[in-house]
Amino acid sequence: MTLPFYLMAHAVFGLAMGRVFEKRLLTEGEVLSPPTLWTLAPVATLTGPLGVVLTRYAGGWFFHGFFVGQGKIVFERFHLGLAFLVLTSAALLSVGGMVFWAAMKSRGRLRSIKWLLGAFAIIGLVLCVFEFESLFWIQGTDGSTLVSHPAGWLSVLVATILLAWERYCKNKMVKVKVDLR
């Protein structure tokens, strides 16, 4: 999963977590405590650091060739800044997706969420059409493909972690007693 797919996955994860914590967000007014912490937990501990690893060791592929020369990030001094930017972007998009879900749901504008998901699908489709070869061939590895390179397994791991965490939260953590008196 290259950077655009990585960021879209975190935004969709945030939307899913907003849906999971909908009752807490809307009826109890909890935004900062449990929902945000449970949304940021996998991003801060697992998927964010995996994005940093992808930035460092598969930077040419992860960034679609930007900032690179022969598939490697040319200047070492940029690594820390890029890693911090990837980690921060993933966290902000996750929390932003959660808050966006709650804001649109509270205003009865679920259509906006569908438009956002549709835009993500179009962006993904455009990337697959125009960057098809570079999505599966890892730059700077002398011909390694996504299937034979660890970046492919890390991409699958990121998606699996986000999906598993959303399922776990949906099944175990949303027991909310709503008193509408």
Protein backbone atom coordinates (compact mmCIF):
# COMPACT_ATOMS: atom_id res chain seq x y z
CA MET A 1 0.00 0.00 0.00
CA THR A 2 1.58 3.21 -1.15
CA LEU A 3 1.17 6.52 0.66
CA PRO A 4 -2.19 7.53 -0.88
CA PHE A 5 -3.68 4.10 -0.13
CA TYR A 6 -2.11 4.14 3.34
CA LEU A 7 -3.67 7.51 4.15
CA MET A 8 -7.04 6.59 2.65
CA ALA A 9 -7.05 3.39 4.70
CA HIS A 10 -6.57 5.41 7.88
CA ALA A 11 -9.32 7.89 6.92
CA VAL A 12 -11.74 5.03 6.21
CA PHE A 13 -10.68 3.43 9.50
CA GLY A 14 -11.55 6.70 11.25
CA LEU A 15 -14.97 6.73 9.59
CA ALA A 16 -15.53 3.13 10.67
CA MET A 17 -14.52 3.95 14.24
CA GLY A 18 -16.91 6.92 14.19
CA ARG A 19 -19.65 4.51 13.24
CA VAL A 20 -18.61 2.10 15.98
CA PHE A 21 -18.57 4.80 18.66
CA GLU A 22 -21.61 6.62 17.28
CA LYS A 23 -23.68 6.26 20.44
CA ARG A 24 -20.87 7.46 22.67
CA LEU A 25 -20.08 10.38 20.40
CA LEU A 26 -23.65 11.56 19.92
CA THR A 27 -25.58 10.66 23.09
CA GLU A 28 -22.96 10.99 25.77
CA GLY A 29 -20.87 13.68 24.13
CA GLU A 30 -17.64 11.75 24.59
CA VAL A 31 -15.17 12.78 21.94
CA LEU A 32 -11.78 13.02 23.57
CA SER A 33 -11.75 10.17 26.02
CA PRO A 34 -12.60 6.61 24.93
CA PRO A 35 -13.41 7.07 21.23
CA THR A 36 -10.29 9.05 20.38
CA LEU A 37 -8.01 6.88 22.49
CA TRP A 38 -9.39 3.66 21.02
CA THR A 39 -9.13 5.09 17.53
CA LEU A 40 -5.52 6.20 18.00
CA ALA A 41 -4.34 3.06 19.81
CA PRO A 42 -3.58 0.90 16.75
CA VAL A 43 -2.33 3.88 14.75
CA ALA A 44 0.15 5.03 17.37
CA THR A 45 1.40 1.58 18.31
CA LEU A 46 1.24 -0.50 15.11
CA THR A 47 0.19 1.00 11.78
CA GLY A 48 1.97 4.33 12.23
CA PRO A 49 5.33 2.69 12.92
CA LEU A 50 4.72 0.32 9.98
CA GLY A 51 4.22 3.40 7.80
CA VAL A 52 7.55 4.71 9.09
CA VAL A 53 9.19 1.39 8.16
CA LEU A 54 7.67 1.62 4.67
CA THR A 55 8.97 5.18 4.40
CA ARG A 56 12.48 4.14 5.34
CA TYR A 57 12.95 0.86 3.54
CA ALA A 58 10.61 1.15 0.54
CA GLY A 59 10.52 4.93 0.14
CA GLY A 60 10.72 4.94 -3.64
CA TRP A 61 7.66 2.73 -3.92
CA PHE A 62 5.80 4.20 -0.94
CA PHE A 63 6.04 7.76 -2.30
CA HIS A 64 5.50 6.78 -5.98
CA GLY A 65 9.00 7.96 -6.88
CA PHE A 66 8.88 11.39 -5.23
CA PHE A 67 11.91 12.44 -3.14
CA VAL A 68 13.91 9.59 -4.59
CA GLY A 69 16.82 8.78 -6.82
CA GLN A 70 16.95 5.19 -8.10
CA GLY A 71 14.24 4.20 -5.67
CA LYS A 72 15.92 5.41 -2.51
CA ILE A 73 15.41 8.64 -0.63
CA VAL A 74 18.50 10.63 -1.56
CA PHE A 75 19.03 12.72 1.53
CA GLU A 76 19.15 10.99 4.90
CA ARG A 77 18.24 14.16 6.73
CA PHE A 78 14.75 13.99 5.22
CA HIS A 79 13.97 10.58 6.68
CA LEU A 80 13.01 11.78 10.15
CA GLY A 81 10.81 14.56 8.78
CA LEU A 82 9.09 12.25 6.30
CA ALA A 83 8.59 9.58 8.94
CA PHE A 84 7.07 12.11 11.33
CA LEU A 85 4.85 13.45 8.54
CA VAL A 86 3.57 9.96 7.67
CA LEU A 87 2.89 9.09 11.32
CA THR A 88 1.16 12.41 12.04
CA SER A 89 -0.93 12.23 8.86
CA ALA A 90 -2.15 8.73 9.71
CA ALA A 91 -3.16 9.80 13.21
CA LEU A 92 -4.88 12.99 12.08
CA LEU A 93 -6.80 11.25 9.31
CA SER A 94 -7.97 8.53 11.69
CA VAL A 95 -9.26 10.99 14.26
CA GLY A 96 -10.54 13.31 11.54
CA GLY A 97 -12.54 10.46 9.99
CA MET A 98 -14.06 9.63 13.36
CA VAL A 99 -15.05 13.25 14.03
CA PHE A 100 -16.31 13.67 10.45
CA TRP A 101 -18.61 10.67 10.88
CA ALA A 102 -20.05 12.09 14.09
CA ALA A 103 -20.48 15.57 12.63
CA MET A 104 -22.25 14.35 9.51
CA LYS A 105 -24.39 11.85 11.43
CA SER A 106 -25.52 14.47 13.96
CA ARG A 107 -26.62 16.75 11.11
CA GLY A 108 -28.34 13.95 9.20
CA ARG A 109 -25.92 14.29 6.27
CA LEU A 110 -24.83 10.69 5.73
CA ARG A 111 -24.73 11.45 2.03
CA SER A 112 -21.54 13.45 2.62
CA ILE A 113 -19.87 10.33 4.01
CA LYS A 114 -20.89 8.39 0.91
CA TRP A 115 -19.45 11.14 -1.29
CA LEU A 116 -16.17 10.99 0.62
CA LEU A 117 -15.98 7.21 0.27
CA GLY A 118 -16.77 7.57 -3.41
CA ALA A 119 -13.95 10.08 -3.80
CA PHE A 120 -11.56 7.64 -2.13
CA ALA A 121 -12.70 4.91 -4.54
CA ILE A 122 -12.13 7.20 -7.53
CA ILE A 123 -8.67 8.20 -6.29
CA GLY A 124 -7.78 4.54 -5.77
CA LEU A 125 -9.04 3.64 -9.23
CA VAL A 126 -7.11 6.47 -10.87
CA LEU A 127 -3.93 5.41 -9.07
CA CYS A 128 -4.46 1.80 -10.13
CA VAL A 129 -4.96 2.81 -13.76
CA PHE A 130 -2.13 5.32 -14.12
CA GLU A 131 0.40 3.81 -11.70
CA PHE A 132 -0.43 0.14 -12.16
CA GLU A 133 3.11 -1.07 -12.83
CA SER A 134 4.71 1.00 -10.08
CA LEU A 135 2.18 -0.28 -7.54
CA PHE A 136 3.46 -3.83 -7.92
CA TRP A 137 7.14 -3.25 -8.69
CA ILE A 138 9.23 -1.98 -5.77
CA GLN A 139 11.59 0.78 -6.89
CA GLY A 140 15.22 0.48 -5.87
CA THR A 141 15.15 -3.29 -5.28
CA ASP A 142 16.40 -4.49 -8.66
CA GLY A 143 13.11 -5.96 -9.81
CA SER A 144 11.38 -7.15 -6.63
CA THR A 145 7.63 -7.27 -6.84
CA LEU A 146 5.11 -6.51 -4.16
CA VAL A 147 4.53 -10.22 -3.55
CA SER A 148 8.22 -11.01 -3.01
CA HIS A 149 9.16 -7.89 -1.01
CA PRO A 150 8.45 -7.30 2.71
CA ALA A 151 6.63 -4.07 1.79
CA GLY A 152 3.80 -6.18 0.43
CA TRP A 153 3.46 -8.10 3.67
CA LEU A 154 3.61 -4.88 5.70
CA SER A 155 0.82 -3.45 3.56
CA VAL A 156 -1.35 -6.48 4.22
CA LEU A 157 -0.48 -6.24 7.92
CA VAL A 158 -1.55 -2.57 8.09
CA ALA A 159 -4.93 -3.33 6.50
CA THR A 160 -5.42 -6.40 8.70
CA ILE A 161 -4.61 -4.49 11.90
CA LEU A 162 -7.05 -1.69 11.09
CA LEU A 163 -9.84 -4.10 10.17
CA ALA A 164 -9.23 -6.35 13.18
CA TRP A 165 -9.19 -3.40 15.59
CA GLU A 166 -12.44 -2.03 14.18
CA ARG A 167 -14.06 -5.47 14.55
CA TYR A 168 -12.73 -5.83 18.10
CA CYS A 169 -14.05 -2.42 19.14
CA LYS A 170 -17.40 -3.12 17.52
CA ASN A 171 -17.80 -6.40 19.37
CA LYS A 172 -16.29 -5.62 22.78
CA MET A 173 -16.06 -1.93 23.58
CA VAL A 174 -19.28 -0.21 22.65
CA LYS A 175 -21.49 -1.39 25.46
CA VAL A 176 -23.14 1.93 26.24
CA LYS A 177 -26.13 2.39 28.46
CA VAL A 178 -28.23 5.15 26.96
CA ASP A 179 -30.59 6.95 29.32
CA LEU A 180 -32.81 9.30 27.33
CA ARG A 181 -34.78 10.75 30.22
